[in-house]
């Protein structure tokens, strides 16, 4: 099996991030052991990069500009971008997160690869909602709505009775005041959060 043939299939289907199982579907007659050998060879040639076990990115002949948010979604599913990463994206906190942080209904995980660090925080299945699909550089990305990102953030910040220092967190009160208060209230109820205790709004929800 030649790389050029596989490369053409991947590009045609826009599988710039693909899994070992994707190759198994493309080549059902090939032995799985042989496909693993091909992947190892292509990786050593620098034509693909390993993102995590069983997941790869097409790097030949150059980077395809796959967004880190999309990679985060693909690396550990189901998951959506949230917490510090989403709040920074929405300019609710000033810092740019050093890792791409997501919420998942599966176990907590973290991965590191050529793109950096990816962290996944676990919530109960009933809390796994409040996200939308956005286009990022032509790729579909699952990301929390700003209201849900804030609720997720406050939940983990106060988990196990941790005190919340509102000044230290440097939440942008103006941005928060522009959020949909009905959505904020709905998402806060998922976690039994009293938003008024954490953020300053013009009027209590």
C-alpha atoms as a PDB file:
ATOM      1  CA  UNK A   1       0.000   0.000   0.000  1.00  0.00           C
ATOM      2  CA  UNK A   2       1.526   3.275  -1.111  1.00  0.00           C
ATOM      3  CA  UNK A   3       1.346   6.422   0.961  1.00  0.00           C
ATOM      4  CA  UNK A   4       0.426   8.495  -2.099  1.00  0.00           C
ATOM      5  CA  UNK A   5      -2.775   6.474  -2.509  1.00  0.00           C
ATOM      6  CA  UNK A   6      -3.717   6.878   1.142  1.00  0.00           C
ATOM      7  CA  UNK A   7      -2.803  10.558   1.074  1.00  0.00           C
ATOM      8  CA  UNK A   8      -5.172  11.131  -1.840  1.00  0.00           C
ATOM      9  CA  UNK A   9      -8.037   9.391  -0.021  1.00  0.00           C
ATOM     10  CA  UNK A  10      -7.452  11.327   3.176  1.00  0.00           C
ATOM     11  CA  UNK A  11      -7.328  14.683   1.391  1.00  0.00           C
ATOM     12  CA  UNK A  12     -10.416  13.927  -0.705  1.00  0.00           C
ATOM     13  CA  UNK A  13     -12.414  13.137   2.433  1.00  0.00           C
ATOM     14  CA  UNK A  14     -10.747  15.956   4.421  1.00  0.00           C
ATOM     15  CA  UNK A  15      -9.507  13.451   6.964  1.00  0.00           C
ATOM     16  CA  UNK A  16      -6.548  15.592   7.958  1.00  0.00           C
ATOM     17  CA  UNK A  17      -6.938  14.038  11.395  1.00  0.00           C
ATOM     18  CA  UNK A  18      -7.626  10.329  11.078  1.00  0.00           C
ATOM     19  CA  UNK A  19      -7.652   7.201  13.174  1.00  0.00           C
ATOM     20  CA  UNK A  20      -6.305   3.714  12.758  1.00  0.00           C
ATOM     21  CA  UNK A  21      -9.916   2.555  12.487  1.00  0.00           C
ATOM     22  CA  UNK A  22     -10.457   4.969   9.586  1.00  0.00           C
ATOM     23  CA  UNK A  23      -7.690   3.182   7.676  1.00  0.00           C
ATOM     24  CA  UNK A  24      -9.293  -0.160   8.482  1.00  0.00           C
ATOM     25  CA  UNK A  25     -12.484   1.096   6.818  1.00  0.00           C
ATOM     26  CA  UNK A  26     -10.565   2.394   3.777  1.00  0.00           C
ATOM     27  CA  UNK A  27      -8.676  -0.895   3.384  1.00  0.00           C
ATOM     28  CA  UNK A  28     -10.889  -3.725   4.705  1.00  0.00           C
ATOM     29  CA  UNK A  29      -8.804  -6.389   2.980  1.00  0.00           C
ATOM     30  CA  UNK A  30      -5.539  -5.303   4.608  1.00  0.00           C
ATOM     31  CA  UNK A  31      -4.421  -7.020   7.791  1.00  0.00           C
ATOM     32  CA  UNK A  32      -4.547  -4.761  10.838  1.00  0.00           C
ATOM     33  CA  UNK A  33      -0.944  -5.622  11.665  1.00  0.00           C
ATOM     34  CA  UNK A  34       0.129  -4.468   8.199  1.00  0.00           C
ATOM     35  CA  UNK A  35      -1.751  -1.180   8.581  1.00  0.00           C
ATOM     36  CA  UNK A  36       0.032  -0.548  11.879  1.00  0.00           C
ATOM     37  CA  UNK A  37       3.357  -1.102  10.164  1.00  0.00           C
ATOM     38  CA  UNK A  38       2.438   1.379   7.441  1.00  0.00           C
ATOM     39  CA  UNK A  39       1.489   3.976  10.035  1.00  0.00           C
ATOM     40  CA  UNK A  40       4.759   3.478  11.887  1.00  0.00           C
ATOM     41  CA  UNK A  41       6.719   3.826   8.639  1.00  0.00           C
ATOM     42  CA  UNK A  42       4.859   6.974   7.570  1.00  0.00           C
ATOM     43  CA  UNK A  43       5.350   8.493  11.011  1.00  0.00           C
ATOM     44  CA  UNK A  44       9.100   7.853  10.830  1.00  0.00           C
ATOM     45  CA  UNK A  45       9.140   9.494   7.402  1.00  0.00           C
ATOM     46  CA  UNK A  46       7.491  12.591   8.871  1.00  0.00           C
ATOM     47  CA  UNK A  47       4.418  12.276   6.666  1.00  0.00           C
ATOM     48  CA  UNK A  48       2.031  11.887   9.595  1.00  0.00           C
ATOM     49  CA  UNK A  49       2.209  12.827  13.278  1.00  0.00           C
ATOM     50  CA  UNK A  50       0.846  10.797  16.167  1.00  0.00           C
ATOM     51  CA  UNK A  51      -1.613  12.773  18.301  1.00  0.00           C
ATOM     52  CA  UNK A  52      -2.403   9.966  20.719  1.00  0.00           C
ATOM     53  CA  UNK A  53      -2.682   6.205  20.562  1.00  0.00           C
ATOM     54  CA  UNK A  54      -4.573   5.354  17.361  1.00  0.00           C
ATOM     55  CA  UNK A  55      -5.022   8.957  16.174  1.00  0.00           C
ATOM     56  CA  UNK A  56      -2.851  10.742  13.611  1.00  0.00           C
ATOM     57  CA  UNK A  57      -2.556  14.021  11.755  1.00  0.00           C
ATOM     58  CA  UNK A  58      -1.583  14.362   8.125  1.00  0.00           C
ATOM     59  CA  UNK A  59       1.555  16.548   8.001  1.00  0.00           C
ATOM     60  CA  UNK A  60       2.728  15.936   4.414  1.00  0.00           C
ATOM     61  CA  UNK A  61       3.623  18.099   2.576  1.00  0.00           C
ATOM     62  CA  UNK A  62       2.849  20.787   5.163  1.00  0.00           C
ATOM     63  CA  UNK A  63       0.542  21.565   8.067  1.00  0.00           C
ATOM     64  CA  UNK A  64      -3.117  21.821   7.084  1.00  0.00           C
ATOM     65  CA  UNK A  65      -3.879  24.424   9.721  1.00  0.00           C
ATOM     66  CA  UNK A  66      -6.072  22.072  11.720  1.00  0.00           C
ATOM     67  CA  UNK A  67      -7.268  24.096  14.753  1.00  0.00           C
ATOM     68  CA  UNK A  68      -6.251  22.888  18.196  1.00  0.00           C
ATOM     69  CA  UNK A  69      -9.919  23.057  19.219  1.00  0.00           C
ATOM     70  CA  UNK A  70     -10.833  20.542  16.506  1.00  0.00           C
ATOM     71  CA  UNK A  71      -7.962  18.290  17.513  1.00  0.00           C
ATOM     72  CA  UNK A  72      -9.147  18.437  21.120  1.00  0.00           C
ATOM     73  CA  UNK A  73     -12.627  17.302  20.042  1.00  0.00           C
ATOM     74  CA  UNK A  74     -11.200  14.414  18.010  1.00  0.00           C
ATOM     75  CA  UNK A  75      -8.671  13.230  20.561  1.00  0.00           C
ATOM     76  CA  UNK A  76     -11.186  12.380  23.251  1.00  0.00           C
ATOM     77  CA  UNK A  77     -14.871  12.143  22.417  1.00  0.00           C
ATOM     78  CA  UNK A  78     -17.416  13.077  23.469  1.00  0.00           C
ATOM     79  CA  UNK A  79     -15.982  16.380  24.610  1.00  0.00           C
ATOM     80  CA  UNK A  80     -16.389  20.099  24.030  1.00  0.00           C
ATOM     81  CA  UNK A  81     -14.081  23.087  24.600  1.00  0.00           C
ATOM     82  CA  UNK A  82     -14.862  24.846  27.882  1.00  0.00           C
ATOM     83  CA  UNK A  83     -13.470  26.210  31.158  1.00  0.00           C
ATOM     84  CA  UNK A  84     -10.375  28.452  30.910  1.00  0.00           C
ATOM     85  CA  UNK A  85      -9.974  27.906  27.173  1.00  0.00           C
ATOM     86  CA  UNK A  86     -13.531  28.897  26.294  1.00  0.00           C
ATOM     87  CA  UNK A  87     -13.600  31.797  28.781  1.00  0.00           C
ATOM     88  CA  UNK A  88     -10.393  33.154  27.272  1.00  0.00           C
ATOM     89  CA  UNK A  89     -11.852  32.705  23.783  1.00  0.00           C
ATOM     90  CA  UNK A  90     -14.903  34.742  24.839  1.00  0.00           C
ATOM     91  CA  UNK A  91     -12.678  37.343  26.598  1.00  0.00           C
ATOM     92  CA  UNK A  92     -14.306  36.659  29.977  1.00  0.00           C
ATOM     93  CA  UNK A  93     -10.892  36.012  31.519  1.00  0.00           C
ATOM     94  CA  UNK A  94      -7.759  37.804  30.300  1.00  0.00           C
ATOM     95  CA  UNK A  95      -5.353  34.881  30.265  1.00  0.00           C
ATOM     96  CA  UNK A  96      -4.791  32.627  27.305  1.00  0.00           C
ATOM     97  CA  UNK A  97      -4.876  29.089  28.662  1.00  0.00           C
ATOM     98  CA  UNK A  98      -1.565  27.224  28.323  1.00  0.00           C
ATOM     99  CA  UNK A  99      -3.543  24.055  27.600  1.00  0.00           C
ATOM    100  CA  UNK A 100      -6.679  23.348  25.604  1.00  0.00           C
ATOM    101  CA  UNK A 101      -9.209  22.480  28.301  1.00  0.00           C
ATOM    102  CA  UNK A 102     -12.367  20.516  27.565  1.00  0.00           C
ATOM    103  CA  UNK A 103     -15.303  18.954  29.365  1.00  0.00           C
ATOM    104  CA  UNK A 104     -16.155  15.299  28.827  1.00  0.00           C
ATOM    105  CA  UNK A 105     -18.724  12.827  30.107  1.00  0.00           C
ATOM    106  CA  UNK A 106     -15.970  10.205  30.230  1.00  0.00           C
ATOM    107  CA  UNK A 107     -13.099   9.851  32.697  1.00  0.00           C
ATOM    108  CA  UNK A 108     -10.651  12.705  33.278  1.00  0.00           C
ATOM    109  CA  UNK A 109      -7.694  12.566  30.893  1.00  0.00           C
ATOM    110  CA  UNK A 110      -4.732  14.588  29.643  1.00  0.00           C
ATOM    111  CA  UNK A 111      -2.663  14.190  26.493  1.00  0.00           C
ATOM    112  CA  UNK A 112       0.453  15.913  25.195  1.00  0.00           C
ATOM    113  CA  UNK A 113       1.605  16.001  21.581  1.00  0.00           C
ATOM    114  CA  UNK A 114       3.173  18.340  19.019  1.00  0.00           C
ATOM    115  CA  UNK A 115       0.300  20.816  19.518  1.00  0.00           C
ATOM    116  CA  UNK A 116       0.712  21.053  23.286  1.00  0.00           C
ATOM    117  CA  UNK A 117      -1.265  19.921  26.306  1.00  0.00           C
ATOM    118  CA  UNK A 118      -4.901  18.839  26.178  1.00  0.00           C
ATOM    119  CA  UNK A 119      -6.866  18.465  29.430  1.00  0.00           C
ATOM    120  CA  UNK A 120     -10.301  16.875  29.837  1.00  0.00           C
ATOM    121  CA  UNK A 121     -12.376  17.408  32.988  1.00  0.00           C
ATOM    122  CA  UNK A 122     -15.172  14.968  33.737  1.00  0.00           C
ATOM    123  CA  UNK A 123     -18.806  15.877  34.464  1.00  0.00           C
ATOM    124  CA  UNK A 124     -21.910  13.763  34.952  1.00  0.00           C
ATOM    125  CA  UNK A 125     -23.791  12.915  31.723  1.00  0.00           C
ATOM    126  CA  UNK A 126     -26.678  15.253  32.637  1.00  0.00           C
ATOM    127  CA  UNK A 127     -24.208  18.168  32.768  1.00  0.00           C
ATOM    128  CA  UNK A 128     -22.762  17.369  29.351  1.00  0.00           C
ATOM    129  CA  UNK A 129     -24.682  20.003  27.411  1.00  0.00           C
ATOM    130  CA  UNK A 130     -24.699  23.693  26.627  1.00  0.00           C
ATOM    131  CA  UNK A 131     -22.309  23.570  23.681  1.00  0.00           C
ATOM    132  CA  UNK A 132     -22.591  24.668  20.059  1.00  0.00           C
ATOM    133  CA  UNK A 133     -20.874  23.828  16.789  1.00  0.00           C
ATOM    134  CA  UNK A 134     -18.723  26.593  15.308  1.00  0.00           C
ATOM    135  CA  UNK A 135     -16.624  26.715  12.176  1.00  0.00           C
ATOM    136  CA  UNK A 136     -12.929  27.246  12.873  1.00  0.00           C
ATOM    137  CA  UNK A 137     -10.809  27.448   9.736  1.00  0.00           C
ATOM    138  CA  UNK A 138     -13.387  25.272   7.976  1.00  0.00           C
ATOM    139  CA  UNK A 139     -13.538  22.629  10.732  1.00  0.00           C
ATOM    140  CA  UNK A 140     -16.545  21.923  12.954  1.00  0.00           C
ATOM    141  CA  UNK A 141     -15.677  22.572  16.592  1.00  0.00           C
ATOM    142  CA  UNK A 142     -17.776  21.767  19.647  1.00  0.00           C
ATOM    143  CA  UNK A 143     -17.416  24.591  22.166  1.00  0.00           C
ATOM    144  CA  UNK A 144     -19.407  25.597  25.239  1.00  0.00           C
ATOM    145  CA  UNK A 145     -21.695  28.572  25.056  1.00  0.00           C
ATOM    146  CA  UNK A 146     -20.197  31.381  27.165  1.00  0.00           C
ATOM    147  CA  UNK A 147     -22.860  30.860  29.829  1.00  0.00           C
ATOM    148  CA  UNK A 148     -22.093  27.137  30.101  1.00  0.00           C
ATOM    149  CA  UNK A 149     -18.327  27.737  30.043  1.00  0.00           C
ATOM    150  CA  UNK A 150     -18.750  30.050  33.043  1.00  0.00           C
ATOM    151  CA  UNK A 151     -20.938  27.538  34.893  1.00  0.00           C
ATOM    152  CA  UNK A 152     -18.438  24.743  34.185  1.00  0.00           C
ATOM    153  CA  UNK A 153     -15.610  26.972  35.397  1.00  0.00           C
ATOM    154  CA  UNK A 154     -17.320  27.941  38.641  1.00  0.00           C
ATOM    155  CA  UNK A 155     -18.273  24.333  39.312  1.00  0.00           C
ATOM    156  CA  UNK A 156     -14.693  23.087  39.113  1.00  0.00           C
ATOM    157  CA  UNK A 157     -13.322  26.128  40.935  1.00  0.00           C
ATOM    158  CA  UNK A 158     -15.581  25.423  43.910  1.00  0.00           C
ATOM    159  CA  UNK A 159     -15.419  21.641  43.779  1.00  0.00           C
ATOM    160  CA  UNK A 160     -14.813  19.999  47.154  1.00  0.00           C
ATOM    161  CA  UNK A 161     -15.540  23.219  49.021  1.00  0.00           C
ATOM    162  CA  UNK A 162     -12.715  25.313  47.536  1.00  0.00           C
ATOM    163  CA  UNK A 163     -13.193  29.027  48.241  1.00  0.00           C
ATOM    164  CA  UNK A 164     -13.675  31.227  45.190  1.00  0.00           C
ATOM    165  CA  UNK A 165     -11.603  34.420  45.122  1.00  0.00           C
ATOM    166  CA  UNK A 166     -13.510  36.662  42.733  1.00  0.00           C
ATOM    167  CA  UNK A 167     -10.797  39.327  42.551  1.00  0.00           C
ATOM    168  CA  UNK A 168      -8.021  36.828  41.941  1.00  0.00           C
ATOM    169  CA  UNK A 169      -9.985  35.200  39.121  1.00  0.00           C
ATOM    170  CA  UNK A 170     -10.243  38.541  37.273  1.00  0.00           C
ATOM    171  CA  UNK A 171     -13.524  37.726  35.585  1.00  0.00           C
ATOM    172  CA  UNK A 172     -14.630  40.485  33.213  1.00  0.00           C
ATOM    173  CA  UNK A 173     -17.815  41.694  34.894  1.00  0.00           C
ATOM    174  CA  UNK A 174     -18.852  43.719  31.859  1.00  0.00           C
ATOM    175  CA  UNK A 175     -18.696  40.659  29.633  1.00  0.00           C
ATOM    176  CA  UNK A 176     -20.562  38.579  32.187  1.00  0.00           C
ATOM    177  CA  UNK A 177     -23.260  41.248  32.421  1.00  0.00           C
ATOM    178  CA  UNK A 178     -23.847  40.860  28.678  1.00  0.00           C
ATOM    179  CA  UNK A 179     -24.499  37.116  28.923  1.00  0.00           C
ATOM    180  CA  UNK A 180     -27.940  35.562  28.690  1.00  0.00           C
ATOM    181  CA  UNK A 181     -29.113  35.462  32.320  1.00  0.00           C
ATOM    182  CA  UNK A 182     -31.761  32.805  31.694  1.00  0.00           C
ATOM    183  CA  UNK A 183     -29.104  30.510  30.264  1.00  0.00           C
ATOM    184  CA  UNK A 184     -26.766  31.305  33.127  1.00  0.00           C
ATOM    185  CA  UNK A 185     -29.447  30.406  35.622  1.00  0.00           C
ATOM    186  CA  UNK A 186     -30.317  27.193  33.791  1.00  0.00           C
ATOM    187  CA  UNK A 187     -26.714  25.992  33.619  1.00  0.00           C
ATOM    188  CA  UNK A 188     -26.002  27.049  37.199  1.00  0.00           C
ATOM    189  CA  UNK A 189     -28.883  24.862  38.395  1.00  0.00           C
ATOM    190  CA  UNK A 190     -27.206  21.816  36.873  1.00  0.00           C
ATOM    191  CA  UNK A 191     -24.424  22.219  39.435  1.00  0.00           C
ATOM    192  CA  UNK A 192     -26.554  23.747  42.225  1.00  0.00           C
ATOM    193  CA  UNK A 193     -24.507  26.940  41.947  1.00  0.00           C
ATOM    194  CA  UNK A 194     -25.486  30.306  43.393  1.00  0.00           C
ATOM    195  CA  UNK A 195     -24.101  32.568  40.675  1.00  0.00           C
ATOM    196  CA  UNK A 196     -24.756  35.687  42.743  1.00  0.00           C
ATOM    197  CA  UNK A 197     -22.191  34.456  45.255  1.00  0.00           C
ATOM    198  CA  UNK A 198     -19.484  34.325  42.575  1.00  0.00           C
ATOM    199  CA  UNK A 199     -20.108  37.027  39.984  1.00  0.00           C
ATOM    200  CA  UNK A 200     -21.388  40.580  40.170  1.00  0.00           C
ATOM    201  CA  UNK A 201     -24.445  41.069  37.998  1.00  0.00           C
ATOM    202  CA  UNK A 202     -26.577  44.187  37.713  1.00  0.00           C
ATOM    203  CA  UNK A 203     -29.448  42.322  39.293  1.00  0.00           C
ATOM    204  CA  UNK A 204     -29.754  39.015  40.991  1.00  0.00           C
ATOM    205  CA  UNK A 205     -30.883  36.122  38.796  1.00  0.00           C
END
